[in-house]
């Protein structure tokens, strides 16, 4: 944690300087509030408007968590299936790549037409943007399993199930968490996009209403909330990774000592 703070002060300093320049320019050039509000005005709106957007924020967080859990579960299951059954991988891996070439903003209206304006199309959107990074990262982790250890377990009489759970799965966990970190940020983006297309609550709805009424300060509040949520989910995944993969830092430390 101390290392994170030591490395994090530089980008924090850059952000503070950026906000200072933004504040000065907004006041010197007398930029209208509806065009580009000063950071102080955005912060004031974030504080005074808590009662307005708190319900939207809670709805978005619920949607993100639900979609992320479902998308991650599907991504892990698909990766395991494609890894254990080579025929399935050869048949479906190209389709996975093709599916990511379809823009989510184009596919989302079709989901609304097919499934209505309820929770289901929103969950599908988040699932679509979440499962792919996890599937690809986990497949790469399986493929990078140490071949010497694999041959050793095979010579020792290990079954495919034992080799998978005792060697391939633990070895792929760092890659899995790399995919989870990407998907955690994508899930926030997917939730907001799905809310733009039809919802009664959510940060996406709050942003749309603010934009249509020229409340640019509220639009910036929504943007900052999206950024904070993305960073928060990213930090949670990092904390889980450090807690569950305690051997990874030891390997890195040994590698540095040997070099």
Protein backbone atom coordinates (compact mmCIF):
# COMPACT_ATOMS: atom_id res chain seq x y z
CA UNK A 1 0.00 0.00 0.00
CA UNK A 2 2.88 2.36 0.80
CA UNK A 3 4.33 1.71 -2.67
CA UNK A 4 1.02 2.68 -4.28
CA UNK A 5 1.01 6.01 -2.44
CA UNK A 6 4.66 6.62 -3.33
CA UNK A 7 3.94 6.08 -7.02
CA UNK A 8 0.52 7.77 -6.96
CA UNK A 9 1.54 11.25 -5.85
CA UNK A 10 2.87 12.17 -9.30
CA UNK A 11 -0.36 11.68 -11.26
CA UNK A 12 -2.26 13.24 -8.33
CA UNK A 13 -0.03 16.31 -8.57
CA UNK A 14 -0.64 16.53 -12.33
CA UNK A 15 -4.41 16.37 -11.76
CA UNK A 16 -4.26 19.09 -9.12
CA UNK A 17 -2.26 21.35 -11.46
CA UNK A 18 -4.73 20.62 -14.25
CA UNK A 19 -7.67 21.63 -12.05
CA UNK A 20 -5.85 24.81 -10.98
CA UNK A 21 -5.22 25.80 -14.61
CA UNK A 22 -8.83 24.93 -15.45
CA UNK A 23 -10.12 27.08 -12.58
CA UNK A 24 -7.92 30.04 -13.51
CA UNK A 25 -8.84 29.89 -17.21
CA UNK A 26 -12.56 29.62 -16.46
CA UNK A 27 -12.40 32.76 -14.31
CA UNK A 28 -10.00 34.82 -16.44
CA UNK A 29 -11.85 34.25 -19.71
CA UNK A 30 -15.26 34.40 -18.00
CA UNK A 31 -16.43 31.17 -19.63
CA UNK A 32 -20.19 30.66 -19.22
CA UNK A 33 -21.15 27.98 -16.71
CA UNK A 34 -23.29 26.13 -19.25
CA UNK A 35 -20.30 25.89 -21.61
CA UNK A 36 -17.45 24.97 -19.25
CA UNK A 37 -17.99 25.27 -15.48
CA UNK A 38 -15.01 25.81 -13.21
CA UNK A 39 -13.91 22.88 -11.00
CA UNK A 40 -15.15 24.78 -7.92
CA UNK A 41 -18.62 24.94 -9.45
CA UNK A 42 -18.55 21.23 -10.27
CA UNK A 43 -17.49 20.39 -6.71
CA UNK A 44 -20.21 22.66 -5.30
CA UNK A 45 -22.82 20.90 -7.44
CA UNK A 46 -21.47 17.48 -6.41
CA UNK A 47 -21.95 18.43 -2.74
CA UNK A 48 -25.28 20.24 -3.00
CA UNK A 49 -26.77 17.80 -5.52
CA UNK A 50 -26.07 14.60 -3.57
CA UNK A 51 -29.77 14.05 -2.92
CA UNK A 52 -30.40 14.33 -6.67
CA UNK A 53 -27.88 11.80 -7.95
CA UNK A 54 -27.44 9.44 -4.95
CA UNK A 55 -30.31 7.24 -6.16
CA UNK A 56 -28.85 7.16 -9.67
CA UNK A 57 -25.44 6.24 -8.25
CA UNK A 58 -26.83 3.36 -6.17
CA UNK A 59 -28.70 1.99 -9.20
CA UNK A 60 -25.58 2.09 -11.37
CA UNK A 61 -23.41 0.40 -8.71
CA UNK A 62 -25.97 -2.40 -8.38
CA UNK A 63 -26.04 -2.83 -12.15
CA UNK A 64 -22.23 -2.84 -12.39
CA UNK A 65 -21.77 -5.45 -9.66
CA UNK A 66 -24.46 -7.74 -11.08
CA UNK A 67 -23.19 -7.50 -14.65
CA UNK A 68 -19.54 -7.86 -13.62
CA UNK A 69 -20.19 -11.01 -11.59
CA UNK A 70 -22.22 -12.61 -14.39
CA UNK A 71 -19.77 -11.53 -17.12
CA UNK A 72 -16.75 -12.70 -15.14
CA UNK A 73 -18.35 -16.07 -14.39
CA UNK A 74 -19.22 -16.61 -18.05
CA UNK A 75 -15.72 -15.53 -19.12
CA UNK A 76 -14.07 -18.00 -16.75
CA UNK A 77 -16.38 -20.86 -17.75
CA UNK A 78 -15.86 -20.18 -21.48
CA UNK A 79 -12.06 -20.01 -21.05
CA UNK A 80 -11.96 -23.30 -19.12
CA UNK A 81 -14.18 -24.99 -21.70
CA UNK A 82 -12.11 -23.78 -24.65
CA UNK A 83 -8.90 -24.81 -22.90
CA UNK A 84 -10.01 -28.31 -21.95
CA UNK A 85 -11.69 -29.05 -25.28
CA UNK A 86 -9.32 -28.07 -28.14
CA UNK A 87 -12.03 -28.68 -30.75
CA UNK A 88 -14.25 -26.04 -29.14
CA UNK A 89 -11.36 -23.59 -29.08
CA UNK A 90 -10.67 -24.07 -32.78
CA UNK A 91 -14.36 -23.64 -33.58
CA UNK A 92 -15.33 -20.74 -31.33
CA UNK A 93 -12.15 -18.69 -30.76
CA UNK A 94 -12.50 -16.85 -34.13
CA UNK A 95 -16.13 -16.10 -33.28
CA UNK A 96 -15.02 -14.52 -30.00
CA UNK A 97 -12.72 -12.20 -31.93
CA UNK A 98 -15.45 -11.32 -34.43
CA UNK A 99 -17.93 -10.57 -31.64
CA UNK A 100 -15.66 -7.81 -30.33
CA UNK A 101 -15.69 -6.03 -33.69
CA UNK A 102 -19.38 -5.16 -33.20
CA UNK A 103 -19.66 -1.78 -31.40
CA UNK A 104 -21.63 -2.06 -28.16
CA UNK A 105 -23.49 1.17 -28.88
CA UNK A 106 -24.81 -0.45 -32.09
CA UNK A 107 -25.76 -3.77 -30.50
CA UNK A 108 -27.46 -2.26 -27.44
CA UNK A 109 -30.58 -0.91 -29.29
CA UNK A 110 -31.19 -4.39 -30.69
CA UNK A 111 -31.10 -5.84 -27.18
CA UNK A 112 -33.68 -3.27 -26.09
CA UNK A 113 -35.92 -4.28 -29.03
CA UNK A 114 -35.53 -7.99 -28.24
CA UNK A 115 -35.69 -7.90 -24.43
CA UNK A 116 -37.42 -4.62 -23.57
CA UNK A 117 -36.35 -1.88 -21.15
CA UNK A 118 -35.86 -4.05 -18.08
CA UNK A 119 -32.68 -5.20 -16.36
CA UNK A 120 -31.90 -8.06 -18.78
CA UNK A 121 -30.61 -6.05 -21.81
CA UNK A 122 -28.41 -3.96 -19.50
CA UNK A 123 -26.92 -7.09 -17.91
CA UNK A 124 -26.28 -8.52 -21.39
CA UNK A 125 -24.43 -5.35 -22.46
CA UNK A 126 -22.16 -5.45 -19.39
CA UNK A 127 -21.63 -9.19 -19.82
CA UNK A 128 -20.57 -8.72 -23.44
CA UNK A 129 -17.93 -6.12 -22.57
CA UNK A 130 -16.69 -8.05 -19.51
CA UNK A 131 -16.33 -11.67 -20.53
CA UNK A 132 -13.97 -11.22 -23.52
CA UNK A 133 -10.93 -9.75 -21.67
CA UNK A 134 -11.28 -12.42 -18.99
CA UNK A 135 -11.58 -15.27 -21.49
CA UNK A 136 -8.58 -14.15 -23.56
CA UNK A 137 -6.40 -13.43 -20.51
CA UNK A 138 -7.22 -16.76 -18.88
CA UNK A 139 -6.55 -18.70 -22.09
CA UNK A 140 -3.16 -16.99 -22.34
CA UNK A 141 -2.47 -17.93 -18.73
CA UNK A 142 -3.27 -21.58 -19.41
CA UNK A 143 -1.05 -21.56 -22.49
CA UNK A 144 1.92 -20.14 -20.56
CA UNK A 145 1.93 -22.92 -17.97
CA UNK A 146 5.44 -24.17 -17.22
CA UNK A 147 6.01 -27.11 -19.60
CA UNK A 148 8.69 -28.70 -17.42
CA UNK A 149 6.29 -28.91 -14.49
CA UNK A 150 3.61 -30.21 -16.85
CA UNK A 151 5.88 -33.06 -18.04
CA UNK A 152 6.91 -33.80 -14.47
CA UNK A 153 3.30 -34.17 -13.32
CA UNK A 154 2.49 -36.35 -16.33
CA UNK A 155 5.45 -38.62 -15.59
CA UNK A 156 4.36 -38.77 -11.95
CA UNK A 157 1.01 -40.15 -13.09
CA UNK A 158 -1.09 -37.02 -12.56
CA UNK A 159 -4.53 -37.08 -14.17
CA UNK A 160 -5.79 -34.27 -16.41
CA UNK A 161 -7.99 -33.05 -13.58
CA UNK A 162 -5.08 -32.96 -11.13
CA UNK A 163 -2.82 -31.21 -13.63
CA UNK A 164 -5.50 -28.59 -14.30
CA UNK A 165 -6.39 -27.74 -10.70
CA UNK A 166 -2.91 -28.11 -9.16
CA UNK A 167 -0.79 -26.60 -11.97
CA UNK A 168 -2.61 -24.88 -14.82
CA UNK A 169 -5.28 -23.07 -12.79
CA UNK A 170 -2.90 -21.60 -10.15
CA UNK A 171 -0.44 -20.63 -12.88
CA UNK A 172 -3.20 -18.79 -14.81
CA UNK A 173 -4.46 -16.77 -11.82
CA UNK A 174 -2.22 -13.72 -12.48
CA UNK A 175 -3.50 -13.62 -16.07
CA UNK A 176 -7.06 -13.99 -14.79
CA UNK A 177 -6.68 -10.97 -12.53
CA UNK A 178 -5.23 -8.97 -15.43
CA UNK A 179 -8.44 -9.69 -17.33
CA UNK A 180 -10.56 -8.88 -14.27
CA UNK A 181 -8.91 -5.47 -13.91
CA UNK A 182 -9.73 -4.63 -17.52
CA UNK A 183 -13.28 -5.93 -17.19
CA UNK A 184 -13.83 -3.98 -13.95
CA UNK A 185 -13.36 -0.70 -15.81
CA UNK A 186 -15.29 -1.92 -18.85
CA UNK A 187 -18.25 -2.86 -16.66
CA UNK A 188 -18.68 0.77 -15.59
CA UNK A 189 -18.61 1.91 -19.21
CA UNK A 190 -21.07 -0.84 -20.20
CA UNK A 191 -23.47 0.11 -17.41
CA UNK A 192 -23.53 3.78 -18.45
CA UNK A 193 -24.03 2.90 -22.13
CA UNK A 194 -26.90 0.56 -21.28
CA UNK A 195 -28.54 3.28 -19.16
CA UNK A 196 -28.36 5.75 -22.03
CA UNK A 197 -30.58 3.48 -24.11
CA UNK A 198 -33.45 3.18 -21.69
CA UNK A 199 -33.59 3.31 -17.92
CA UNK A 200 -35.41 5.18 -15.19
CA UNK A 201 -32.39 5.48 -12.89
CA UNK A 202 -28.63 5.46 -13.19
CA UNK A 203 -25.65 7.73 -13.79
CA UNK A 204 -26.27 7.43 -17.53
CA UNK A 205 -29.82 8.73 -17.05
CA UNK A 206 -28.56 11.51 -14.76
CA UNK A 207 -26.01 12.52 -17.41
CA UNK A 208 -28.60 12.49 -20.20
CA UNK A 209 -31.04 14.66 -18.23
CA UNK A 210 -28.24 17.09 -17.31
CA UNK A 211 -27.06 17.34 -20.91
CA UNK A 212 -30.55 17.98 -22.29
CA UNK A 213 -31.08 20.81 -19.76
CA UNK A 214 -27.61 22.32 -20.39
CA UNK A 215 -26.49 21.59 -16.81
CA UNK A 216 -22.88 21.08 -17.80
CA UNK A 217 -21.80 21.11 -14.15
CA UNK A 218 -23.93 18.03 -13.54
CA UNK A 219 -22.49 16.38 -16.66
CA UNK A 220 -19.02 16.81 -15.17
CA UNK A 221 -20.26 15.47 -11.85
CA UNK A 222 -21.45 12.34 -13.70
CA UNK A 223 -18.09 12.06 -15.50
CA UNK A 224 -16.17 12.29 -12.21
CA UNK A 225 -18.46 9.70 -10.62
CA UNK A 226 -17.80 7.31 -13.53
CA UNK A 227 -14.04 7.81 -13.17
CA UNK A 228 -14.20 7.28 -9.40
CA UNK A 229 -16.25 4.10 -9.79
CA UNK A 230 -13.80 2.74 -12.37
CA UNK A 231 -10.82 3.45 -10.12
CA UNK A 232 -12.62 1.99 -7.12
CA UNK A 233 -13.45 -1.30 -8.84
CA UNK A 234 -9.92 -1.44 -10.26
CA UNK A 235 -8.47 -0.96 -6.77
CA UNK A 236 -10.72 -3.70 -5.34
CA UNK A 237 -9.45 -6.19 -7.94
CA UNK A 238 -5.84 -5.23 -7.17
CA UNK A 239 -6.46 -5.75 -3.43
CA UNK A 240 -8.01 -9.17 -4.10
CA UNK A 241 -5.09 -10.11 -6.34
CA UNK A 242 -2.53 -9.24 -3.68
CA UNK A 243 -4.50 -11.18 -1.08
CA UNK A 244 -5.06 -14.32 -3.15
CA UNK A 245 -1.77 -14.48 -5.08
CA UNK A 246 0.79 -14.05 -2.34
CA UNK A 247 3.43 -16.07 -4.17
CA UNK A 248 3.69 -13.63 -7.07
CA UNK A 249 5.57 -10.87 -5.22
CA UNK A 250 7.90 -13.50 -3.75
CA UNK A 251 8.77 -14.74 -7.24
CA UNK A 252 9.40 -11.17 -8.43
CA UNK A 253 11.55 -10.49 -5.38
CA UNK A 254 13.60 -13.65 -5.93
CA UNK A 255 14.03 -12.73 -9.56
CA UNK A 256 15.36 -9.29 -8.65
CA UNK A 257 17.78 -10.76 -6.11
CA UNK A 258 19.12 -13.30 -8.59
CA UNK A 259 19.68 -10.63 -11.20
